[in-house]
C-alpha atoms as a PDB file:
ATOM      1  CA  MET A   1      43.863  51.770  30.986  1.00  0.00           C
ATOM      2  CA  LYS A   2      41.371  49.902  33.067  1.00  0.00           C
ATOM      3  CA  LYS A   3      41.908  46.555  31.355  1.00  0.00           C
ATOM      4  CA  LEU A   4      45.517  46.866  31.828  1.00  0.00           C
ATOM      5  CA  TYR A   5      44.837  47.288  35.540  1.00  0.00           C
ATOM      6  CA  PHE A   6      42.702  44.513  35.868  1.00  0.00           C
ATOM      7  CA  ILE A   7      45.717  42.298  33.852  1.00  0.00           C
ATOM      8  CA  PHE A   8      48.144  43.617  36.326  1.00  0.00           C
ATOM      9  CA  ALA A   9      46.010  42.675  39.013  1.00  0.00           C
ATOM     10  CA  ILE A  10      45.586  38.900  38.154  1.00  0.00           C
ATOM     11  CA  VAL A  11      49.298  39.033  37.444  1.00  0.00           C
ATOM     12  CA  ILE A  12      49.791  40.133  41.020  1.00  0.00           C
ATOM     13  CA  LEU A  13      47.338  37.781  42.265  1.00  0.00           C
ATOM     14  CA  PHE A  14      48.461  34.955  41.057  1.00  0.00           C
ATOM     15  CA  GLY A  15      52.350  35.637  41.539  1.00  0.00           C
ATOM     16  CA  SER A  16      51.085  35.995  45.129  1.00  0.00           C
ATOM     17  CA  CYS A  17      49.166  32.932  45.331  1.00  0.00           C
ATOM     18  CA  LYS A  18      52.715  30.775  44.181  1.00  0.00           C
ATOM     19  CA  GLU A  19      54.830  32.576  46.489  1.00  0.00           C
ATOM     20  CA  GLN A  20      52.361  31.490  48.989  1.00  0.00           C
ATOM     21  CA  ARG A  21      52.878  27.512  48.682  1.00  0.00           C
ATOM     22  CA  THR A  22      53.973  25.723  51.798  1.00  0.00           C
ATOM     23  CA  TYR A  23      57.393  24.345  52.133  1.00  0.00           C
ATOM     24  CA  TYR A  24      58.551  22.243  54.639  1.00  0.00           C
ATOM     25  CA  LEU A  25      62.381  23.319  54.448  1.00  0.00           C
ATOM     26  CA  SER A  26      62.451  27.188  53.341  1.00  0.00           C
ATOM     27  CA  PRO A  27      64.555  27.598  50.112  1.00  0.00           C
ATOM     28  CA  ASP A  28      66.929  29.597  52.380  1.00  0.00           C
ATOM     29  CA  THR A  29      68.089  26.706  54.186  1.00  0.00           C
ATOM     30  CA  THR A  30      71.497  25.790  53.879  1.00  0.00           C
ATOM     31  CA  PRO A  31      72.036  22.975  51.453  1.00  0.00           C
ATOM     32  CA  TYR A  32      72.372  19.434  52.473  1.00  0.00           C
ATOM     33  CA  GLU A  33      71.983  20.433  56.540  1.00  0.00           C
ATOM     34  CA  VAL A  34      69.546  17.660  57.682  1.00  0.00           C
ATOM     35  CA  HIS A  35      66.990  18.260  59.940  1.00  0.00           C
ATOM     36  CA  GLU A  36      64.364  16.425  61.473  1.00  0.00           C
ATOM     37  CA  LEU A  37      60.664  16.216  59.886  1.00  0.00           C
ATOM     38  CA  THR A  38      59.245  13.634  62.631  1.00  0.00           C
ATOM     39  CA  LYS A  39      59.880  12.510  66.108  1.00  0.00           C
ATOM     40  CA  ASP A  40      61.045   8.862  66.613  1.00  0.00           C
ATOM     41  CA  ASP A  41      58.825   5.810  67.142  1.00  0.00           C
ATOM     42  CA  VAL A  42      56.242   7.533  65.118  1.00  0.00           C
ATOM     43  CA  PHE A  43      56.193   5.174  62.356  1.00  0.00           C
ATOM     44  CA  SER A  44      56.935   1.162  62.405  1.00  0.00           C
ATOM     45  CA  HIS A  45      60.394  -0.195  61.907  1.00  0.00           C
ATOM     46  CA  ASN A  46      59.035  -0.790  58.180  1.00  0.00           C
ATOM     47  CA  VAL A  47      58.664   2.773  57.690  1.00  0.00           C
ATOM     48  CA  GLU A  48      59.548   3.132  53.630  1.00  0.00           C
ATOM     49  CA  GLY A  49      57.602   4.896  50.693  1.00  0.00           C
ATOM     50  CA  PRO A  50      57.916   7.765  50.179  1.00  0.00           C
ATOM     51  CA  SER A  51      56.092   9.685  47.697  1.00  0.00           C
ATOM     52  CA  PHE A  52      54.792  13.294  47.302  1.00  0.00           C
ATOM     53  CA  ARG A  53      52.091  14.757  45.612  1.00  0.00           C
ATOM     54  CA  ASN A  54      50.150  17.732  45.875  1.00  0.00           C
ATOM     55  CA  ASP A  55      52.460  19.319  48.510  1.00  0.00           C
ATOM     56  CA  THR A  56      51.542  16.325  50.805  1.00  0.00           C
ATOM     57  CA  LEU A  57      54.261  13.619  51.340  1.00  0.00           C
ATOM     58  CA  PHE A  58      52.948  10.288  51.875  1.00  0.00           C
ATOM     59  CA  VAL A  59      54.753   7.190  54.239  1.00  0.00           C
ATOM     60  CA  VAL A  60      53.883   3.515  54.678  1.00  0.00           C
ATOM     61  CA  ASN A  61      53.604   2.372  58.109  1.00  0.00           C
ATOM     62  CA  TYR A  62      52.435   4.980  59.866  1.00  0.00           C
ATOM     63  CA  GLN A  63      52.154   3.944  63.907  1.00  0.00           C
ATOM     64  CA  LYS A  64      52.162   0.279  62.983  1.00  0.00           C
ATOM     65  CA  ASP A  65      52.613  -2.130  59.507  1.00  0.00           C
ATOM     66  CA  GLY A  66      49.942  -2.546  57.121  1.00  0.00           C
ATOM     67  CA  THR A  67      48.556   1.187  57.233  1.00  0.00           C
ATOM     68  CA  VAL A  68      49.496   4.459  55.050  1.00  0.00           C
ATOM     69  CA  GLY A  69      50.305   8.021  56.534  1.00  0.00           C
ATOM     70  CA  TYR A  70      50.649  11.217  55.409  1.00  0.00           C
ATOM     71  CA  ILE A  71      52.788  14.153  56.691  1.00  0.00           C
ATOM     72  CA  LEU A  72      52.299  17.655  56.431  1.00  0.00           C
ATOM     73  CA  PRO A  73      54.535  20.433  56.805  1.00  0.00           C
ATOM     74  CA  GLY A  74      55.576  21.225  60.414  1.00  0.00           C
ATOM     75  CA  GLY A  75      56.088  17.256  60.873  1.00  0.00           C
ATOM     76  CA  LYS A  76      52.434  16.545  62.074  1.00  0.00           C
ATOM     77  CA  CYS A  77      51.339  13.144  61.006  1.00  0.00           C
ATOM     78  CA  LYS A  78      48.064  11.841  60.217  1.00  0.00           C
ATOM     79  CA  LEU A  79      46.369   8.131  58.959  1.00  0.00           C
ATOM     80  CA  TYR A  80      45.361   7.926  55.095  1.00  0.00           C
ATOM     81  CA  LYS A  81      44.616   4.259  55.032  1.00  0.00           C
ATOM     82  CA  THR A  82      44.837   0.966  56.539  1.00  0.00           C
ATOM     83  CA  LEU A  83      45.704  -1.729  54.738  1.00  0.00           C
ATOM     84  CA  PRO A  84      43.786  -5.297  54.357  1.00  0.00           C
ATOM     85  CA  GLU A  85      44.954  -7.841  56.986  1.00  0.00           C
ATOM     86  CA  GLY A  86      48.176  -9.399  55.735  1.00  0.00           C
ATOM     87  CA  SER A  87      49.321  -6.184  53.444  1.00  0.00           C
ATOM     88  CA  ILE A  88      52.376  -4.481  54.551  1.00  0.00           C
ATOM     89  CA  GLY A  89      53.102  -1.477  52.200  1.00  0.00           C
ATOM     90  CA  ASN A  90      56.700  -0.516  51.061  1.00  0.00           C
ATOM     91  CA  SER A  91      57.197   1.764  47.861  1.00  0.00           C
ATOM     92  CA  VAL A  92      54.663   4.217  46.706  1.00  0.00           C
ATOM     93  CA  LYS A  93      53.722   5.741  43.369  1.00  0.00           C
ATOM     94  CA  PHE A  94      51.430   7.955  42.097  1.00  0.00           C
ATOM     95  CA  ASP A  95      49.939   7.852  38.558  1.00  0.00           C
ATOM     96  CA  LYS A  96      48.929  11.315  36.837  1.00  0.00           C
ATOM     97  CA  ASP A  97      45.159  10.246  37.998  1.00  0.00           C
ATOM     98  CA  GLY A  98      46.103  10.517  41.469  1.00  0.00           C
ATOM     99  CA  ASN A  99      45.848   6.728  42.012  1.00  0.00           C
ATOM    100  CA  MET A 100      48.223   5.718  44.594  1.00  0.00           C
ATOM    101  CA  TYR A 101      50.180   2.129  43.784  1.00  0.00           C
ATOM    102  CA  LEU A 102      52.211   0.178  47.157  1.00  0.00           C
ATOM    103  CA  ALA A 103      54.521  -2.614  46.760  1.00  0.00           C
ATOM    104  CA  ASP A 104      52.764  -4.958  49.298  1.00  0.00           C
ATOM    105  CA  PHE A 105      55.477  -7.270  50.557  1.00  0.00           C
ATOM    106  CA  ALA A 106      53.771  -9.194  52.657  1.00  0.00           C
ATOM    107  CA  GLY A 107      50.844 -10.191  50.345  1.00  0.00           C
ATOM    108  CA  HIS A 108      53.118 -10.519  47.509  1.00  0.00           C
ATOM    109  CA  ASN A 109      50.629  -8.121  45.867  1.00  0.00           C
ATOM    110  CA  ILE A 110      50.947  -4.457  43.806  1.00  0.00           C
ATOM    111  CA  LEU A 111      48.033  -2.545  45.153  1.00  0.00           C
ATOM    112  CA  LYS A 112      45.908   0.184  43.853  1.00  0.00           C
ATOM    113  CA  ILE A 113      44.209   2.916  46.195  1.00  0.00           C
ATOM    114  CA  ASN A 114      42.296   5.053  44.110  1.00  0.00           C
ATOM    115  CA  LYS A 115      40.856   8.912  44.752  1.00  0.00           C
ATOM    116  CA  SER A 116      38.123   7.422  46.593  1.00  0.00           C
ATOM    117  CA  LYS A 117      40.254   5.335  48.955  1.00  0.00           C
ATOM    118  CA  GLU A 118      39.081   2.065  47.712  1.00  0.00           C
ATOM    119  CA  ILE A 119      41.934  -0.547  47.669  1.00  0.00           C
ATOM    120  CA  SER A 120      42.065  -3.588  45.025  1.00  0.00           C
ATOM    121  CA  ILE A 121      44.804  -5.999  43.931  1.00  0.00           C
ATOM    122  CA  TYR A 122      46.213  -4.300  40.341  1.00  0.00           C
ATOM    123  CA  CYS A 123      48.527  -7.084  40.159  1.00  0.00           C
ATOM    124  CA  HIS A 124      49.605 -10.780  41.340  1.00  0.00           C
ATOM    125  CA  ASN A 125      51.775 -13.193  40.163  1.00  0.00           C
ATOM    126  CA  ASP A 126      52.626 -16.606  42.276  1.00  0.00           C
ATOM    127  CA  ALA A 127      55.720 -15.988  40.953  1.00  0.00           C
ATOM    128  CA  PHE A 128      56.244 -12.718  42.877  1.00  0.00           C
ATOM    129  CA  ASN A 129      58.946 -13.164  45.525  1.00  0.00           C
ATOM    130  CA  GLN A 130      57.760 -10.065  47.189  1.00  0.00           C
ATOM    131  CA  PRO A 131      57.568  -6.545  45.462  1.00  0.00           C
ATOM    132  CA  ASN A 132      59.963  -4.289  47.266  1.00  0.00           C
ATOM    133  CA  ASP A 133      60.633  -0.832  45.265  1.00  0.00           C
ATOM    134  CA  MET A 134      58.683   0.765  42.280  1.00  0.00           C
ATOM    135  CA  ASP A 135      59.281   2.896  39.613  1.00  0.00           C
ATOM    136  CA  MET A 136      56.377   4.404  37.164  1.00  0.00           C
ATOM    137  CA  SER A 137      57.102   5.613  33.700  1.00  0.00           C
ATOM    138  CA  SER A 138      55.494   8.695  32.057  1.00  0.00           C
ATOM    139  CA  LYS A 139      53.274   5.933  30.492  1.00  0.00           C
ATOM    140  CA  GLY A 140      51.870   4.798  33.768  1.00  0.00           C
ATOM    141  CA  TRP A 141      53.990   1.262  33.479  1.00  0.00           C
ATOM    142  CA  ILE A 142      55.322  -0.235  36.907  1.00  0.00           C
ATOM    143  CA  TYR A 143      58.680  -1.133  37.361  1.00  0.00           C
ATOM    144  CA  ALA A 144      58.943  -3.577  40.534  1.00  0.00           C
ATOM    145  CA  SER A 145      62.075  -4.973  42.307  1.00  0.00           C
ATOM    146  CA  ASP A 146      61.619  -8.190  43.552  1.00  0.00           C
ATOM    147  CA  PRO A 147      63.992  -9.806  45.867  1.00  0.00           C
ATOM    148  CA  ASP A 148      64.536 -13.261  47.509  1.00  0.00           C
ATOM    149  CA  TRP A 149      66.478 -12.491  50.699  1.00  0.00           C
ATOM    150  CA  THR A 150      66.597 -16.218  51.373  1.00  0.00           C
ATOM    151  CA  ASP A 151      68.834 -17.105  48.593  1.00  0.00           C
ATOM    152  CA  SER A 152      70.182 -13.454  47.659  1.00  0.00           C
ATOM    153  CA  THR A 153      68.789 -13.562  44.216  1.00  0.00           C
ATOM    154  CA  GLY A 154      66.464 -11.336  42.651  1.00  0.00           C
ATOM    155  CA  GLN A 155      63.976 -10.261  39.693  1.00  0.00           C
ATOM    156  CA  VAL A 156      62.214  -6.729  38.003  1.00  0.00           C
ATOM    157  CA  TRP A 157      59.006  -6.895  36.780  1.00  0.00           C
ATOM    158  CA  LEU A 158      57.110  -4.370  34.256  1.00  0.00           C
ATOM    159  CA  ILE A 159      53.566  -3.861  34.807  1.00  0.00           C
ATOM    160  CA  LYS A 160      51.997  -2.251  31.836  1.00  0.00           C
ATOM    161  CA  ASN A 161      48.451  -2.963  32.955  1.00  0.00           C
ATOM    162  CA  GLU A 162      46.136  -4.250  35.448  1.00  0.00           C
ATOM    163  CA  GLY A 163      46.427  -7.925  36.141  1.00  0.00           C
ATOM    164  CA  GLU A 164      49.354  -8.369  33.456  1.00  0.00           C
ATOM    165  CA  SER A 165      53.320  -8.241  34.834  1.00  0.00           C
ATOM    166  CA  ILE A 166      56.060  -9.296  32.662  1.00  0.00           C
ATOM    167  CA  ARG A 167      59.420 -10.507  33.751  1.00  0.00           C
ATOM    168  CA  VAL A 168      62.145  -8.032  32.081  1.00  0.00           C
ATOM    169  CA  ALA A 169      65.068  -9.238  34.535  1.00  0.00           C
ATOM    170  CA  ASP A 170      65.782 -12.126  36.375  1.00  0.00           C
ATOM    171  CA  SER A 171      68.905 -14.011  37.561  1.00  0.00           C
ATOM    172  CA  MET A 172      70.184 -10.894  39.571  1.00  0.00           C
ATOM    173  CA  GLY A 173      71.350 -10.474  42.990  1.00  0.00           C
ATOM    174  CA  THR A 174      68.977  -9.051  45.380  1.00  0.00           C
ATOM    175  CA  THR A 175      67.294  -6.540  43.790  1.00  0.00           C
ATOM    176  CA  ASN A 176      66.100  -3.382  45.774  1.00  0.00           C
ATOM    177  CA  GLY A 177      66.141  -0.176  44.647  1.00  0.00           C
ATOM    178  CA  ILE A 178      64.930   0.980  41.248  1.00  0.00           C
ATOM    179  CA  THR A 179      64.628   4.020  39.612  1.00  0.00           C
ATOM    180  CA  LEU A 180      64.083   5.280  35.698  1.00  0.00           C
ATOM    181  CA  SER A 181      66.530   7.986  34.803  1.00  0.00           C
ATOM    182  CA  PRO A 182      64.866  11.518  33.907  1.00  0.00           C
ATOM    183  CA  ASP A 183      64.304  11.001  30.204  1.00  0.00           C
ATOM    184  CA  GLU A 184      63.491   7.221  30.958  1.00  0.00           C
ATOM    185  CA  LYS A 185      65.868   6.154  28.331  1.00  0.00           C
ATOM    186  CA  HIS A 186      67.823   3.986  31.520  1.00  0.00           C
ATOM    187  CA  LEU A 187      66.568   1.960  34.352  1.00  0.00           C
ATOM    188  CA  TYR A 188      69.001   1.888  37.583  1.00  0.00           C
ATOM    189  CA  VAL A 189      68.646  -1.361  39.541  1.00  0.00           C
ATOM    190  CA  GLY A 190      70.325  -1.939  42.811  1.00  0.00           C
ATOM    191  CA  GLU A 191      71.552  -5.371  44.526  1.00  0.00           C
ATOM    192  CA  SER A 192      71.439  -5.106  48.137  1.00  0.00           C
ATOM    193  CA  VAL A 193      73.454  -7.507  49.284  1.00  0.00           C
ATOM    194  CA  GLN A 194      76.145  -7.735  46.595  1.00  0.00           C
ATOM    195  CA  LEU A 195      76.521  -3.802  46.490  1.00  0.00           C
ATOM    196  CA  LYS A 196      75.940  -2.975  42.690  1.00  0.00           C
ATOM    197  CA  ILE A 197      74.062  -0.778  40.786  1.00  0.00           C
ATOM    198  CA  TRP A 198      73.294  -2.263  37.148  1.00  0.00           C
ATOM    199  CA  ARG A 199      71.736   0.140  34.636  1.00  0.00           C
ATOM    200  CA  PHE A 200      69.962  -1.416  31.341  1.00  0.00           C
ATOM    201  CA  ASP A 201      68.709   0.224  28.310  1.00  0.00           C
ATOM    202  CA  VAL A 202      65.061   0.414  28.641  1.00  0.00           C
ATOM    203  CA  ASN A 203      63.114  -0.399  24.954  1.00  0.00           C
ATOM    204  CA  GLU A 204      60.361   1.432  23.002  1.00  0.00           C
ATOM    205  CA  ASP A 205      58.043  -1.822  24.374  1.00  0.00           C
ATOM    206  CA  GLY A 206      59.571  -1.208  28.309  1.00  0.00           C
ATOM    207  CA  SER A 207      61.557  -4.781  27.929  1.00  0.00           C
ATOM    208  CA  LEU A 208      65.391  -3.851  28.924  1.00  0.00           C
ATOM    209  CA  SER A 209      68.754  -5.038  27.533  1.00  0.00           C
ATOM    210  CA  ASN A 210      72.330  -4.008  27.629  1.00  0.00           C
ATOM    211  CA  LYS A 211      72.675  -4.669  31.493  1.00  0.00           C
ATOM    212  CA  LYS A 212      75.785  -2.843  32.387  1.00  0.00           C
ATOM    213  CA  LEU A 213      77.546  -2.291  36.142  1.00  0.00           C
ATOM    214  CA  PHE A 214      76.407   1.446  36.849  1.00  0.00           C
ATOM    215  CA  THR A 215      78.771   1.574  40.037  1.00  0.00           C
ATOM    216  CA  THR A 216      79.575  -0.898  43.363  1.00  0.00           C
ATOM    217  CA  PHE A 217      80.262  -0.330  46.860  1.00  0.00           C
ATOM    218  CA  GLN A 218      82.035  -1.689  49.771  1.00  0.00           C
ATOM    219  CA  GLY A 219      80.559  -3.037  52.746  1.00  0.00           C
ATOM    220  CA  TYR A 220      77.007  -1.607  54.492  1.00  0.00           C
ATOM    221  CA  ASP A 221      73.875  -2.107  52.297  1.00  0.00           C
ATOM    222  CA  LEU A 222      72.327  -0.669  49.550  1.00  0.00           C
ATOM    223  CA  ASP A 223      68.515   0.243  49.546  1.00  0.00           C
ATOM    224  CA  GLY A 224      66.036   3.037  47.861  1.00  0.00           C
ATOM    225  CA  MET A 225      67.333   5.392  45.279  1.00  0.00           C
ATOM    226  CA  HIS A 226      65.880   8.380  43.132  1.00  0.00           C
ATOM    227  CA  PHE A 227      67.679  10.995  40.326  1.00  0.00           C
ATOM    228  CA  GLY A 228      67.548  14.629  41.587  1.00  0.00           C
ATOM    229  CA  PRO A 229      66.134  17.503  39.337  1.00  0.00           C
ATOM    230  CA  LYS A 230      69.770  17.913  38.120  1.00  0.00           C
ATOM    231  CA  GLY A 231      70.119  14.489  36.831  1.00  0.00           C
ATOM    232  CA  ASN A 232      72.231  13.460  39.725  1.00  0.00           C
ATOM    233  CA  LEU A 233      71.516   9.581  40.934  1.00  0.00           C
ATOM    234  CA  PHE A 234      70.820   9.999  45.204  1.00  0.00           C
ATOM    235  CA  VAL A 235      71.242   6.617  46.800  1.00  0.00           C
ATOM    236  CA  CYS A 236      70.876   5.300  50.496  1.00  0.00           C
ATOM    237  CA  ARG A 237      73.470   3.667  52.327  1.00  0.00           C
ATOM    238  CA  TYR A 238      71.480   1.339  54.553  1.00  0.00           C
ATOM    239  CA  GLY A 239      73.426   0.682  57.613  1.00  0.00           C
ATOM    240  CA  LYS A 240      75.867   3.611  57.056  1.00  0.00           C
ATOM    241  CA  GLY A 241      73.350   6.489  57.600  1.00  0.00           C
ATOM    242  CA  GLU A 242      74.435   7.986  54.418  1.00  0.00           C
ATOM    243  CA  ILE A 243      72.930   9.308  50.852  1.00  0.00           C
ATOM    244  CA  VAL A 244      75.696   9.207  48.283  1.00  0.00           C
ATOM    245  CA  VAL A 245      75.397  10.842  45.246  1.00  0.00           C
ATOM    246  CA  PHE A 246      76.663  10.107  41.682  1.00  0.00           C
ATOM    247  CA  ASN A 247      76.680  12.121  38.376  1.00  0.00           C
ATOM    248  CA  PRO A 248      75.237  10.124  35.053  1.00  0.00           C
ATOM    249  CA  LYS A 249      78.815   9.178  34.714  1.00  0.00           C
ATOM    250  CA  GLY A 250      78.574   7.193  37.763  1.00  0.00           C
ATOM    251  CA  LYS A 251      81.314   9.246  39.547  1.00  0.00           C
ATOM    252  CA  GLN A 252      80.470  10.534  43.283  1.00  0.00           C
ATOM    253  CA  VAL A 253      80.295  13.753  43.589  1.00  0.00           C
ATOM    254  CA  LYS A 254      78.641  14.054  47.346  1.00  0.00           C
ATOM    255  CA  THR A 255      77.799  12.256  50.360  1.00  0.00           C
ATOM    256  CA  ILE A 256      75.193  13.279  52.884  1.00  0.00           C
ATOM    257  CA  ALA A 257      75.709  12.232  56.396  1.00  0.00           C
ATOM    258  CA  LEU A 258      72.143  11.685  58.162  1.00  0.00           C
ATOM    259  CA  ASN A 259      71.488  11.204  62.167  1.00  0.00           C
ATOM    260  CA  ALA A 260      70.731   7.936  61.684  1.00  0.00           C
ATOM    261  CA  LYS A 261      71.971   4.681  60.238  1.00  0.00           C
ATOM    262  CA  LYS A 262      69.131   2.678  58.679  1.00  0.00           C
ATOM    263  CA  CYS A 263      67.985   5.270  55.867  1.00  0.00           C
ATOM    264  CA  SER A 264      65.663   3.101  53.575  1.00  0.00           C
ATOM    265  CA  ASN A 265      64.409   5.591  50.536  1.00  0.00           C
ATOM    266  CA  LEU A 266      64.075   8.990  49.555  1.00  0.00           C
ATOM    267  CA  VAL A 267      62.221  11.304  47.502  1.00  0.00           C
ATOM    268  CA  PHE A 268      62.017  14.792  46.041  1.00  0.00           C
ATOM    269  CA  GLY A 269      59.578  17.126  47.004  1.00  0.00           C
ATOM    270  CA  ASP A 270      58.616  20.772  48.053  1.00  0.00           C
ATOM    271  CA  PRO A 271      57.040  23.243  45.510  1.00  0.00           C
ATOM    272  CA  ASP A 272      60.468  23.650  43.668  1.00  0.00           C
ATOM    273  CA  GLY A 273      61.557  19.610  44.326  1.00  0.00           C
ATOM    274  CA  LYS A 274      64.967  20.786  46.170  1.00  0.00           C
ATOM    275  CA  THR A 275      63.883  19.310  49.439  1.00  0.00           C
ATOM    276  CA  VAL A 276      65.001  15.636  49.510  1.00  0.00           C
ATOM    277  CA  PHE A 277      62.636  13.371  52.116  1.00  0.00           C
ATOM    278  CA  VAL A 278      64.363  10.225  53.983  1.00  0.00           C
ATOM    279  CA  THR A 279      63.287   7.321  55.920  1.00  0.00           C
ATOM    280  CA  LEU A 280      65.005   6.002  58.391  1.00  0.00           C
ATOM    281  CA  GLN A 281      63.879   2.629  60.060  1.00  0.00           C
ATOM    282  CA  ASP A 282      65.770   2.940  63.099  1.00  0.00           C
ATOM    283  CA  LYS A 283      64.526   6.092  63.856  1.00  0.00           C
ATOM    284  CA  LYS A 284      61.390   5.016  62.888  1.00  0.00           C
ATOM    285  CA  GLY A 285      60.559   8.401  61.378  1.00  0.00           C
ATOM    286  CA  LEU A 286      62.025  11.057  58.667  1.00  0.00           C
ATOM    287  CA  GLU A 287      64.829  13.328  58.246  1.00  0.00           C
ATOM    288  CA  MET A 288      64.858  15.921  55.295  1.00  0.00           C
ATOM    289  CA  PHE A 289      67.376  18.480  53.630  1.00  0.00           C
ATOM    290  CA  ARG A 290      67.476  20.882  51.040  1.00  0.00           C
ATOM    291  CA  ILE A 291      69.671  20.648  47.860  1.00  0.00           C
ATOM    292  CA  LYS A 292      71.192  23.685  45.638  1.00  0.00           C
END
């Protein structure tokens, strides 16, 4: 009988620990109701990222360009790391070991910050325009969009290992937002100037094929995008101040109006993965909302 009481106590203990995990937004928050996470002007006009790891939200260009900050529940921001001179981060991703990777659009690199906060150049290629957005597969492979804003063209790179980059798509429009489907069988790439999102098949070796148009837009701009926990695609409409939601068939199913216009990227977080964090470049801060 004592053994059963002991087991019951362990269940209660671990169950209560799970309940006590901190949320940025309560699960009881009204779905799609937009809330301010940070005050205005906490980040630079290049606020981007963002990435969520171990219940902490990481965002680039905290206070000034060339930094990485992190935000705690309640909106308190702190400096995480200053990048090498001449580097400005954009997209942020973590591998399964907790190493951070940044698209350094000013230095034309993919940077790596290990768990000891040591910075190194993970990949450089003279053919990079300016690595912009990234996604990482479960194998640790990085897909990076690489726009040329002057010519309104772009390409996509695959980085499987340190120092090794393979161009897997070229002759595209201004490549920007990029994300893998939840099953990693498809890669979605947005073209900001051309206002199109393309879907590629992802082959076993990571190469891309069977390029198909997923959806098109009228007016404004496209930026970061990410799949939600139910398989819907959430897209930033930069300049319009909206997050547009598509089902897997490309049908628009929801629009969330934000309180600022220049939404640059988004990520899902909180313990249940149902809070959406959005970076806003005109606000120089972040907003957030819950989904169902």
